[in-house]
Amino acid sequence: MGLWAVLPFALQGVLVALDPITITWARFCASSLLLAGLLAARGALPARAALHGLAGLLCVATLGLAANYVLSLVGLHWTSPSDSQVLIQLGPMLLGLGGVTVFGERPSRLQWLGFALLLAGLAGFFVSRLGLRASGTEHLTAGAGVIGLAAAAWAIYGLVQKQLLQRLPSAHVLLCVYVGCALVFTPFARPSALARLDAVQAGLLAFAALNTLVAYGAFAESLAHWEASRVGAVLALSPLATLALAACVTIPWPGTAGAAPLGPASWFGAVLVVIGSVTASLGGET
């Protein structure tokens, strides 16, 4: 959760030099190589026989995560780290509702209340942000729509991954998905553009790549041991950390976060998202 909270700031710093496709391709290539190296060193690379019959699910998971990465970057270009991180929390909510529909998980009334608060907070945050912007509201609306699509793609990926985890270890699922995503973006990426990065931008891209490996590894393990509805709700806590970091950054460097300061209504909506997340994750079954 913490890694995802700071990721939008790193990606925004790289977007000034690289296009979304090349950034995404580089992240998946690096993650594939790192994870393959770790598994090879442990003699734990996936056997071909273990993947038999799972090609369809692996393809859906790959396309879902690939779409999420690109759409998130496009949406970030039109919004800001704080805006995108709050709006992307539609993904954990969809993941939670998908767990109810697909896996038959049974949330309690308290958890349903948490989902409702989370949705109300997202809606309130978006409406208040539109009200605060003196210009560029069409970009925020378009960005919010793209981020909504990214959230749906991520929820599909999460649900398919949970099903794959019934047959494969999390590291094997991630390796297959990372390699698949790298292959999907290879024809459209511009590797030569990487040479134009300065030291700071290269460091931010390296952090984003490592973030992919560590954050999604933790996410996969949580899905293997917890209900999708609860995992999705806990992940919705990350925007508060992003908002706090954005506020801290804009104090010494105004305008760095790329958005107008948050008003009281925006903060209220974000806090409501967090309250709904905690309620949904901690509310016991009926």
C-alpha atoms as a PDB file:
ATOM      1  CA  MET A   1       0.000   0.000   0.000  1.00  0.00           C
ATOM      2  CA  GLY A   2       2.796   2.397   0.886  1.00  0.00           C
ATOM      3  CA  LEU A   3       4.640   1.733  -2.377  1.00  0.00           C
ATOM      4  CA  TRP A   4       1.519   2.457  -4.411  1.00  0.00           C
ATOM      5  CA  ALA A   5       0.988   5.665  -2.440  1.00  0.00           C
ATOM      6  CA  VAL A   6       4.239   7.236  -3.655  1.00  0.00           C
ATOM      7  CA  LEU A   7       4.272   5.679  -7.140  1.00  0.00           C
ATOM      8  CA  PRO A   8       2.258   8.453  -8.906  1.00  0.00           C
ATOM      9  CA  PHE A   9       4.896  11.046  -7.991  1.00  0.00           C
ATOM     10  CA  ALA A  10       7.670   8.932  -9.492  1.00  0.00           C
ATOM     11  CA  LEU A  11       5.696   8.260 -12.653  1.00  0.00           C
ATOM     12  CA  GLN A  12       4.813  11.913 -13.104  1.00  0.00           C
ATOM     13  CA  GLY A  13       8.528  12.730 -13.058  1.00  0.00           C
ATOM     14  CA  VAL A  14       9.205  10.206 -15.840  1.00  0.00           C
ATOM     15  CA  LEU A  15       6.211  11.177 -18.005  1.00  0.00           C
ATOM     16  CA  VAL A  16       7.930  14.448 -18.957  1.00  0.00           C
ATOM     17  CA  ALA A  17      10.589  12.444 -20.819  1.00  0.00           C
ATOM     18  CA  LEU A  18       8.952   9.182 -21.916  1.00  0.00           C
ATOM     19  CA  ASP A  19       5.615   8.112 -23.370  1.00  0.00           C
ATOM     20  CA  PRO A  20       3.324   5.836 -21.298  1.00  0.00           C
ATOM     21  CA  ILE A  21       3.949   2.772 -23.480  1.00  0.00           C
ATOM     22  CA  THR A  22       7.735   2.940 -23.163  1.00  0.00           C
ATOM     23  CA  ILE A  23       7.542   3.523 -19.402  1.00  0.00           C
ATOM     24  CA  THR A  24       5.258   0.535 -18.975  1.00  0.00           C
ATOM     25  CA  TRP A  25       7.399  -1.671 -21.215  1.00  0.00           C
ATOM     26  CA  ALA A  26      10.557  -0.768 -19.283  1.00  0.00           C
ATOM     27  CA  ARG A  27       8.891  -1.502 -15.926  1.00  0.00           C
ATOM     28  CA  PHE A  28       7.700  -4.922 -17.039  1.00  0.00           C
ATOM     29  CA  CYS A  29      11.025  -5.846 -18.668  1.00  0.00           C
ATOM     30  CA  ALA A  30      12.936  -4.963 -15.510  1.00  0.00           C
ATOM     31  CA  SER A  31      10.449  -6.762 -13.257  1.00  0.00           C
ATOM     32  CA  SER A  32      10.552  -9.872 -15.460  1.00  0.00           C
ATOM     33  CA  LEU A  33      14.339 -10.028 -15.397  1.00  0.00           C
ATOM     34  CA  LEU A  34      14.581  -9.419 -11.656  1.00  0.00           C
ATOM     35  CA  LEU A  35      11.937 -11.981 -10.735  1.00  0.00           C
ATOM     36  CA  ALA A  36      13.255 -14.579 -13.188  1.00  0.00           C
ATOM     37  CA  GLY A  37      16.740 -14.112 -11.761  1.00  0.00           C
ATOM     38  CA  LEU A  38      15.515 -14.544  -8.183  1.00  0.00           C
ATOM     39  CA  LEU A  39      13.554 -17.692  -9.059  1.00  0.00           C
ATOM     40  CA  ALA A  40      16.408 -19.137 -11.101  1.00  0.00           C
ATOM     41  CA  ALA A  41      18.836 -18.597  -8.222  1.00  0.00           C
ATOM     42  CA  ARG A  42      16.489 -20.598  -5.990  1.00  0.00           C
ATOM     43  CA  GLY A  43      15.876 -23.258  -8.663  1.00  0.00           C
ATOM     44  CA  ALA A  44      12.182 -22.394  -8.558  1.00  0.00           C
ATOM     45  CA  LEU A  45      11.326 -21.369 -12.115  1.00  0.00           C
ATOM     46  CA  PRO A  46       7.833 -22.551 -13.163  1.00  0.00           C
ATOM     47  CA  ALA A  47       7.667 -25.829 -15.062  1.00  0.00           C
ATOM     48  CA  ARG A  48       5.782 -25.880 -18.358  1.00  0.00           C
ATOM     49  CA  ALA A  49       3.578 -28.725 -17.146  1.00  0.00           C
ATOM     50  CA  ALA A  50       2.354 -26.597 -14.243  1.00  0.00           C
ATOM     51  CA  LEU A  51       0.985 -24.018 -16.689  1.00  0.00           C
ATOM     52  CA  HIS A  52      -1.067 -26.545 -18.648  1.00  0.00           C
ATOM     53  CA  GLY A  53      -4.676 -25.437 -19.036  1.00  0.00           C
ATOM     54  CA  LEU A  54      -4.046 -21.969 -17.612  1.00  0.00           C
ATOM     55  CA  ALA A  55      -3.192 -20.112 -20.829  1.00  0.00           C
ATOM     56  CA  GLY A  56      -6.600 -18.445 -21.063  1.00  0.00           C
ATOM     57  CA  LEU A  57      -6.574 -17.134 -17.504  1.00  0.00           C
ATOM     58  CA  LEU A  58      -2.969 -15.972 -17.833  1.00  0.00           C
ATOM     59  CA  CYS A  59      -3.835 -14.054 -21.008  1.00  0.00           C
ATOM     60  CA  VAL A  60      -6.764 -12.301 -19.320  1.00  0.00           C
ATOM     61  CA  ALA A  61      -4.636 -11.408 -16.303  1.00  0.00           C
ATOM     62  CA  THR A  62      -1.857 -10.124 -18.572  1.00  0.00           C
ATOM     63  CA  LEU A  63      -4.165  -7.948 -20.658  1.00  0.00           C
ATOM     64  CA  GLY A  64      -5.919  -6.644 -17.537  1.00  0.00           C
ATOM     65  CA  LEU A  65      -2.686  -5.543 -15.865  1.00  0.00           C
ATOM     66  CA  ALA A  66      -1.267  -4.161 -19.120  1.00  0.00           C
ATOM     67  CA  ALA A  67      -4.388  -2.056 -19.685  1.00  0.00           C
ATOM     68  CA  ASN A  68      -4.299  -0.850 -16.080  1.00  0.00           C
ATOM     69  CA  TYR A  69      -0.703   0.357 -16.351  1.00  0.00           C
ATOM     70  CA  VAL A  70      -1.167   2.328 -19.572  1.00  0.00           C
ATOM     71  CA  LEU A  71      -4.568   3.792 -18.704  1.00  0.00           C
ATOM     72  CA  SER A  72      -3.293   4.845 -15.266  1.00  0.00           C
ATOM     73  CA  LEU A  73      -0.422   6.751 -16.857  1.00  0.00           C
ATOM     74  CA  VAL A  74      -2.705   8.453 -19.390  1.00  0.00           C
ATOM     75  CA  GLY A  75      -5.093   9.427 -16.611  1.00  0.00           C
ATOM     76  CA  LEU A  76      -2.200  10.700 -14.490  1.00  0.00           C
ATOM     77  CA  HIS A  77      -1.101  12.935 -17.368  1.00  0.00           C
ATOM     78  CA  TRP A  78      -4.524  14.658 -17.281  1.00  0.00           C
ATOM     79  CA  THR A  79      -4.932  14.843 -13.499  1.00  0.00           C
ATOM     80  CA  SER A  80      -2.374  14.815 -10.665  1.00  0.00           C
ATOM     81  CA  PRO A  81      -0.871  12.249  -8.264  1.00  0.00           C
ATOM     82  CA  SER A  82      -3.379  13.074  -5.533  1.00  0.00           C
ATOM     83  CA  ASP A  83      -6.378  13.095  -7.879  1.00  0.00           C
ATOM     84  CA  SER A  84      -5.426   9.875  -9.654  1.00  0.00           C
ATOM     85  CA  GLN A  85      -4.601   8.002  -6.455  1.00  0.00           C
ATOM     86  CA  VAL A  86      -7.994   8.762  -4.936  1.00  0.00           C
ATOM     87  CA  LEU A  87      -9.956   8.058  -8.112  1.00  0.00           C
ATOM     88  CA  ILE A  88      -8.116   4.771  -8.773  1.00  0.00           C
ATOM     89  CA  GLN A  89      -9.577   3.468  -5.503  1.00  0.00           C
ATOM     90  CA  LEU A  90     -12.592   2.491  -7.560  1.00  0.00           C
ATOM     91  CA  GLY A  91     -10.400  -0.530  -8.415  1.00  0.00           C
ATOM     92  CA  PRO A  92     -10.206  -1.993  -4.891  1.00  0.00           C
ATOM     93  CA  MET A  93     -13.935  -1.439  -4.531  1.00  0.00           C
ATOM     94  CA  LEU A  94     -14.637  -3.285  -7.798  1.00  0.00           C
ATOM     95  CA  LEU A  95     -12.253  -6.022  -6.667  1.00  0.00           C
ATOM     96  CA  GLY A  96     -14.193  -6.367  -3.432  1.00  0.00           C
ATOM     97  CA  LEU A  97     -17.537  -6.516  -5.197  1.00  0.00           C
ATOM     98  CA  GLY A  98     -16.063  -8.971  -7.674  1.00  0.00           C
ATOM     99  CA  GLY A  99     -15.015 -11.202  -4.794  1.00  0.00           C
ATOM    100  CA  VAL A 100     -18.634 -11.254  -3.665  1.00  0.00           C
ATOM    101  CA  THR A 101     -19.932 -12.063  -7.167  1.00  0.00           C
ATOM    102  CA  VAL A 102     -17.249 -14.449  -8.444  1.00  0.00           C
ATOM    103  CA  PHE A 103     -16.018 -16.201  -5.303  1.00  0.00           C
ATOM    104  CA  GLY A 104     -19.195 -16.070  -3.229  1.00  0.00           C
ATOM    105  CA  GLU A 105     -17.633 -14.086  -0.396  1.00  0.00           C
ATOM    106  CA  ARG A 106     -20.236 -12.882   2.109  1.00  0.00           C
ATOM    107  CA  PRO A 107     -19.614  -9.364   3.418  1.00  0.00           C
ATOM    108  CA  SER A 108     -21.432  -8.309   6.559  1.00  0.00           C
ATOM    109  CA  ARG A 109     -23.765  -5.328   6.738  1.00  0.00           C
ATOM    110  CA  LEU A 110     -20.895  -3.336   8.201  1.00  0.00           C
ATOM    111  CA  GLN A 111     -18.742  -4.156   5.199  1.00  0.00           C
ATOM    112  CA  TRP A 112     -21.509  -3.111   2.815  1.00  0.00           C
ATOM    113  CA  LEU A 113     -21.691   0.174   4.712  1.00  0.00           C
ATOM    114  CA  GLY A 114     -17.945   0.551   4.212  1.00  0.00           C
ATOM    115  CA  PHE A 115     -18.296   0.052   0.461  1.00  0.00           C
ATOM    116  CA  ALA A 116     -21.052   2.667   0.365  1.00  0.00           C
ATOM    117  CA  LEU A 117     -18.930   5.183   2.285  1.00  0.00           C
ATOM    118  CA  LEU A 118     -15.996   4.513  -0.010  1.00  0.00           C
ATOM    119  CA  LEU A 119     -18.122   5.169  -3.100  1.00  0.00           C
ATOM    120  CA  ALA A 120     -19.634   8.314  -1.553  1.00  0.00           C
ATOM    121  CA  GLY A 121     -16.149   9.576  -0.700  1.00  0.00           C
ATOM    122  CA  LEU A 122     -14.895   9.019  -4.240  1.00  0.00           C
ATOM    123  CA  ALA A 123     -17.887  10.848  -5.699  1.00  0.00           C
ATOM    124  CA  GLY A 124     -17.550  13.732  -3.241  1.00  0.00           C
ATOM    125  CA  PHE A 125     -13.828  14.089  -3.903  1.00  0.00           C
ATOM    126  CA  PHE A 126     -14.274  14.215  -7.668  1.00  0.00           C
ATOM    127  CA  VAL A 127     -17.125  16.742  -7.567  1.00  0.00           C
ATOM    128  CA  SER A 128     -15.229  18.998  -5.156  1.00  0.00           C
ATOM    129  CA  ARG A 129     -12.103  18.870  -7.322  1.00  0.00           C
ATOM    130  CA  LEU A 130     -14.141  20.005 -10.319  1.00  0.00           C
ATOM    131  CA  GLY A 131     -15.425  22.910  -8.256  1.00  0.00           C
ATOM    132  CA  LEU A 132     -11.914  23.962  -7.194  1.00  0.00           C
ATOM    133  CA  ARG A 133     -10.488  24.054 -10.699  1.00  0.00           C
ATOM    134  CA  ALA A 134     -10.801  27.378 -12.434  1.00  0.00           C
ATOM    135  CA  SER A 135      -9.797  25.811 -15.759  1.00  0.00           C
ATOM    136  CA  GLY A 136      -8.981  22.439 -17.247  1.00  0.00           C
ATOM    137  CA  THR A 137     -12.063  20.702 -15.865  1.00  0.00           C
ATOM    138  CA  GLU A 138     -12.504  18.884 -19.172  1.00  0.00           C
ATOM    139  CA  HIS A 139      -9.057  17.350 -18.688  1.00  0.00           C
ATOM    140  CA  LEU A 140      -9.921  16.273 -15.146  1.00  0.00           C
ATOM    141  CA  THR A 141     -13.181  14.724 -16.355  1.00  0.00           C
ATOM    142  CA  ALA A 142     -11.423  12.895 -19.182  1.00  0.00           C
ATOM    143  CA  GLY A 143      -8.644  11.807 -16.843  1.00  0.00           C
ATOM    144  CA  ALA A 144     -11.154  10.539 -14.300  1.00  0.00           C
ATOM    145  CA  GLY A 145     -12.880   8.503 -16.995  1.00  0.00           C
ATOM    146  CA  VAL A 146      -9.601   6.939 -18.118  1.00  0.00           C
ATOM    147  CA  ILE A 147      -8.628   6.172 -14.520  1.00  0.00           C
ATOM    148  CA  GLY A 148     -12.038   4.556 -14.036  1.00  0.00           C
ATOM    149  CA  LEU A 149     -11.266   2.228 -16.940  1.00  0.00           C
ATOM    150  CA  ALA A 150      -7.839   1.541 -15.425  1.00  0.00           C
ATOM    151  CA  ALA A 151      -9.510   0.639 -12.137  1.00  0.00           C
ATOM    152  CA  ALA A 152     -11.879  -1.798 -13.867  1.00  0.00           C
ATOM    153  CA  ALA A 153      -8.956  -3.435 -15.707  1.00  0.00           C
ATOM    154  CA  TRP A 154      -7.065  -3.787 -12.420  1.00  0.00           C
ATOM    155  CA  ALA A 155     -10.059  -5.381 -10.698  1.00  0.00           C
ATOM    156  CA  ILE A 156     -10.343  -7.936 -13.519  1.00  0.00           C
ATOM    157  CA  TYR A 157      -6.642  -8.702 -13.150  1.00  0.00           C
ATOM    158  CA  GLY A 158      -6.984  -9.138  -9.387  1.00  0.00           C
ATOM    159  CA  LEU A 159      -9.946 -11.504  -9.662  1.00  0.00           C
ATOM    160  CA  VAL A 160      -8.261 -13.641 -12.315  1.00  0.00           C
ATOM    161  CA  GLN A 161      -5.045 -13.720 -10.297  1.00  0.00           C
ATOM    162  CA  LYS A 162      -6.911 -14.955  -7.240  1.00  0.00           C
ATOM    163  CA  GLN A 163      -8.255 -17.822  -9.332  1.00  0.00           C
ATOM    164  CA  LEU A 164      -4.782 -18.595 -10.709  1.00  0.00           C
ATOM    165  CA  LEU A 165      -3.387 -18.687  -7.168  1.00  0.00           C
ATOM    166  CA  GLN A 166      -5.440 -21.813  -6.569  1.00  0.00           C
ATOM    167  CA  ARG A 167      -3.142 -23.619  -9.009  1.00  0.00           C
ATOM    168  CA  LEU A 168       0.156 -21.715  -8.974  1.00  0.00           C
ATOM    169  CA  PRO A 169       2.431 -19.986  -6.447  1.00  0.00           C
ATOM    170  CA  SER A 170       2.164 -16.208  -6.523  1.00  0.00           C
ATOM    171  CA  ALA A 171       5.714 -15.750  -7.878  1.00  0.00           C
ATOM    172  CA  HIS A 172       4.959 -18.005 -10.859  1.00  0.00           C
ATOM    173  CA  VAL A 173       1.762 -16.124 -11.674  1.00  0.00           C
ATOM    174  CA  LEU A 174       3.579 -12.793 -11.528  1.00  0.00           C
ATOM    175  CA  LEU A 175       6.460 -13.980 -13.711  1.00  0.00           C
ATOM    176  CA  CYS A 176       4.084 -15.182 -16.419  1.00  0.00           C
ATOM    177  CA  VAL A 177       2.103 -11.938 -16.289  1.00  0.00           C
ATOM    178  CA  TYR A 178       5.195  -9.714 -16.280  1.00  0.00           C
ATOM    179  CA  VAL A 179       6.731 -11.508 -19.258  1.00  0.00           C
ATOM    180  CA  GLY A 180       3.404 -11.442 -21.082  1.00  0.00           C
ATOM    181  CA  CYS A 181       3.000  -7.699 -20.508  1.00  0.00           C
ATOM    182  CA  ALA A 182       6.557  -7.015 -21.665  1.00  0.00           C
ATOM    183  CA  LEU A 183       5.854  -8.910 -24.894  1.00  0.00           C
ATOM    184  CA  VAL A 184       2.558  -7.066 -25.432  1.00  0.00           C
ATOM    185  CA  PHE A 185       4.271  -3.664 -25.290  1.00  0.00           C
ATOM    186  CA  THR A 186       7.512  -4.531 -27.114  1.00  0.00           C
ATOM    187  CA  PRO A 187       6.234  -3.669 -30.643  1.00  0.00           C
ATOM    188  CA  PHE A 188       5.019  -0.240 -29.472  1.00  0.00           C
ATOM    189  CA  ALA A 189       7.848   0.801 -27.130  1.00  0.00           C
ATOM    190  CA  ARG A 190      10.750   3.104 -28.003  1.00  0.00           C
ATOM    191  CA  PRO A 191      13.787   1.723 -26.135  1.00  0.00           C
ATOM    192  CA  SER A 192      16.064   4.344 -27.706  1.00  0.00           C
ATOM    193  CA  ALA A 193      14.184   7.044 -25.756  1.00  0.00           C
ATOM    194  CA  LEU A 194      15.636   5.663 -22.522  1.00  0.00           C
ATOM    195  CA  ALA A 195      18.996   7.198 -23.452  1.00  0.00           C
ATOM    196  CA  ARG A 196      17.474  10.677 -23.070  1.00  0.00           C
ATOM    197  CA  LEU A 197      16.724  10.231 -19.361  1.00  0.00           C
ATOM    198  CA  ASP A 198      18.794  12.197 -16.902  1.00  0.00           C
ATOM    199  CA  ALA A 199      19.997  10.671 -13.631  1.00  0.00           C
ATOM    200  CA  VAL A 200      16.914  11.682 -11.649  1.00  0.00           C
ATOM    201  CA  GLN A 201      14.475  10.410 -14.267  1.00  0.00           C
ATOM    202  CA  ALA A 202      16.394   7.140 -14.598  1.00  0.00           C
ATOM    203  CA  GLY A 203      16.253   6.713 -10.828  1.00  0.00           C
ATOM    204  CA  LEU A 204      12.519   7.343 -10.786  1.00  0.00           C
ATOM    205  CA  LEU A 205      11.993   4.787 -13.548  1.00  0.00           C
ATOM    206  CA  ALA A 206      14.111   2.246 -11.653  1.00  0.00           C
ATOM    207  CA  PHE A 207      12.013   2.865  -8.541  1.00  0.00           C
ATOM    208  CA  ALA A 208       8.815   2.375 -10.557  1.00  0.00           C
ATOM    209  CA  ALA A 209      10.142  -0.931 -11.903  1.00  0.00           C
ATOM    210  CA  LEU A 210      11.115  -2.155  -8.437  1.00  0.00           C
ATOM    211  CA  ASN A 211       7.730  -0.978  -7.184  1.00  0.00           C
ATOM    212  CA  THR A 212       6.066  -3.291  -9.699  1.00  0.00           C
ATOM    213  CA  LEU A 213       8.000  -6.288  -8.398  1.00  0.00           C
ATOM    214  CA  VAL A 214       7.616  -5.663  -4.659  1.00  0.00           C
ATOM    215  CA  ALA A 215       4.135  -4.142  -4.472  1.00  0.00           C
ATOM    216  CA  TYR A 216       2.483  -6.696  -6.714  1.00  0.00           C
ATOM    217  CA  GLY A 217       4.326  -9.503  -4.960  1.00  0.00           C
ATOM    218  CA  ALA A 218       2.819  -8.370  -1.676  1.00  0.00           C
ATOM    219  CA  PHE A 219      -0.578  -7.962  -3.351  1.00  0.00           C
ATOM    220  CA  ALA A 220      -0.445 -11.516  -4.727  1.00  0.00           C
ATOM    221  CA  GLU A 221       0.467 -12.957  -1.336  1.00  0.00           C
ATOM    222  CA  SER A 222      -2.393 -11.082   0.333  1.00  0.00           C
ATOM    223  CA  LEU A 223      -4.845 -12.480  -2.216  1.00  0.00           C
ATOM    224  CA  ALA A 224      -3.547 -15.971  -1.497  1.00  0.00           C
ATOM    225  CA  HIS A 225      -4.303 -15.620   2.226  1.00  0.00           C
ATOM    226  CA  TRP A 226      -7.230 -13.178   2.450  1.00  0.00           C
ATOM    227  CA  GLU A 227     -10.602 -12.539   0.846  1.00  0.00           C
ATOM    228  CA  ALA A 228     -10.592 -10.321  -2.256  1.00  0.00           C
ATOM    229  CA  SER A 229     -13.194  -8.028  -0.698  1.00  0.00           C
ATOM    230  CA  ARG A 230     -10.956  -7.344   2.331  1.00  0.00           C
ATOM    231  CA  VAL A 231      -7.765  -6.965   0.292  1.00  0.00           C
ATOM    232  CA  GLY A 232      -9.488  -4.464  -1.981  1.00  0.00           C
ATOM    233  CA  ALA A 233     -10.769  -2.456   0.960  1.00  0.00           C
ATOM    234  CA  VAL A 234      -7.379  -2.250   2.684  1.00  0.00           C
ATOM    235  CA  LEU A 235      -5.706  -1.004  -0.501  1.00  0.00           C
ATOM    236  CA  ALA A 236      -8.094   1.936  -0.530  1.00  0.00           C
ATOM    237  CA  LEU A 237      -6.104   3.387   2.397  1.00  0.00           C
ATOM    238  CA  SER A 238      -3.264   4.426   0.084  1.00  0.00           C
ATOM    239  CA  PRO A 239      -4.744   7.726  -1.177  1.00  0.00           C
ATOM    240  CA  LEU A 240      -4.485   9.313   2.263  1.00  0.00           C
ATOM    241  CA  ALA A 241      -0.720   8.766   2.210  1.00  0.00           C
ATOM    242  CA  THR A 242      -0.559  10.206  -1.311  1.00  0.00           C
ATOM    243  CA  LEU A 243      -2.576  13.259  -0.300  1.00  0.00           C
ATOM    244  CA  ALA A 244      -0.387  13.846   2.764  1.00  0.00           C
ATOM    245  CA  LEU A 245       2.766  13.551   0.660  1.00  0.00           C
ATOM    246  CA  ALA A 246       1.338  15.919  -1.959  1.00  0.00           C
ATOM    247  CA  ALA A 247       0.559  18.456   0.752  1.00  0.00           C
ATOM    248  CA  CYS A 248       4.084  18.187   2.161  1.00  0.00           C
ATOM    249  CA  VAL A 249       5.685  18.556  -1.279  1.00  0.00           C
ATOM    250  CA  THR A 250       3.681  21.634  -2.241  1.00  0.00           C
ATOM    251  CA  ILE A 251       4.661  23.532   0.932  1.00  0.00           C
ATOM    252  CA  PRO A 252       8.348  24.050  -0.011  1.00  0.00           C
ATOM    253  CA  TRP A 253       7.759  23.667  -3.776  1.00  0.00           C
ATOM    254  CA  PRO A 254       4.360  25.127  -4.731  1.00  0.00           C
ATOM    255  CA  GLY A 255       2.889  23.599  -7.865  1.00  0.00           C
ATOM    256  CA  THR A 256       5.172  20.563  -7.760  1.00  0.00           C
ATOM    257  CA  ALA A 257       2.288  18.119  -7.315  1.00  0.00           C
ATOM    258  CA  GLY A 258       0.672  19.434 -10.459  1.00  0.00           C
ATOM    259  CA  ALA A 259      -2.758  20.327  -9.060  1.00  0.00           C
ATOM    260  CA  ALA A 260      -4.628  22.995  -7.148  1.00  0.00           C
ATOM    261  CA  PRO A 261      -4.479  22.667  -3.340  1.00  0.00           C
ATOM    262  CA  LEU A 262      -7.178  20.501  -1.828  1.00  0.00           C
ATOM    263  CA  GLY A 263     -10.149  22.240  -0.270  1.00  0.00           C
ATOM    264  CA  PRO A 264     -12.072  21.078   2.810  1.00  0.00           C
ATOM    265  CA  ALA A 265     -14.624  19.192   0.699  1.00  0.00           C
ATOM    266  CA  SER A 266     -11.853  17.315  -1.137  1.00  0.00           C
ATOM    267  CA  TRP A 267     -10.193  16.315   2.122  1.00  0.00           C
ATOM    268  CA  PHE A 268     -13.554  15.228   3.521  1.00  0.00           C
ATOM    269  CA  GLY A 269     -14.160  13.024   0.490  1.00  0.00           C
ATOM    270  CA  ALA A 270     -10.692  11.471   0.758  1.00  0.00           C
ATOM    271  CA  VAL A 271     -11.100  10.796   4.484  1.00  0.00           C
ATOM    272  CA  LEU A 272     -14.502   9.263   3.781  1.00  0.00           C
ATOM    273  CA  VAL A 273     -12.780   6.903   1.340  1.00  0.00           C
ATOM    274  CA  VAL A 274     -10.393   5.823   4.096  1.00  0.00           C
ATOM    275  CA  ILE A 275     -13.183   5.378   6.673  1.00  0.00           C
ATOM    276  CA  GLY A 276     -15.128   3.275   4.200  1.00  0.00           C
ATOM    277  CA  SER A 277     -12.003   1.212   3.483  1.00  0.00           C
ATOM    278  CA  VAL A 278     -11.338   0.485   7.160  1.00  0.00           C
ATOM    279  CA  THR A 279     -14.999  -0.342   7.786  1.00  0.00           C
ATOM    280  CA  ALA A 280     -15.150  -2.715   4.840  1.00  0.00           C
ATOM    281  CA  SER A 281     -11.876  -4.462   5.732  1.00  0.00           C
ATOM    282  CA  LEU A 282     -12.495  -4.908   9.458  1.00  0.00           C
ATOM    283  CA  GLY A 283     -16.232  -5.624   9.479  1.00  0.00           C
ATOM    284  CA  GLY A 284     -16.732  -9.315  10.254  1.00  0.00           C
ATOM    285  CA  GLU A 285     -18.944 -11.714   8.387  1.00  0.00           C
ATOM    286  CA  THR A 286     -22.575 -12.106   9.366  1.00  0.00           C
END
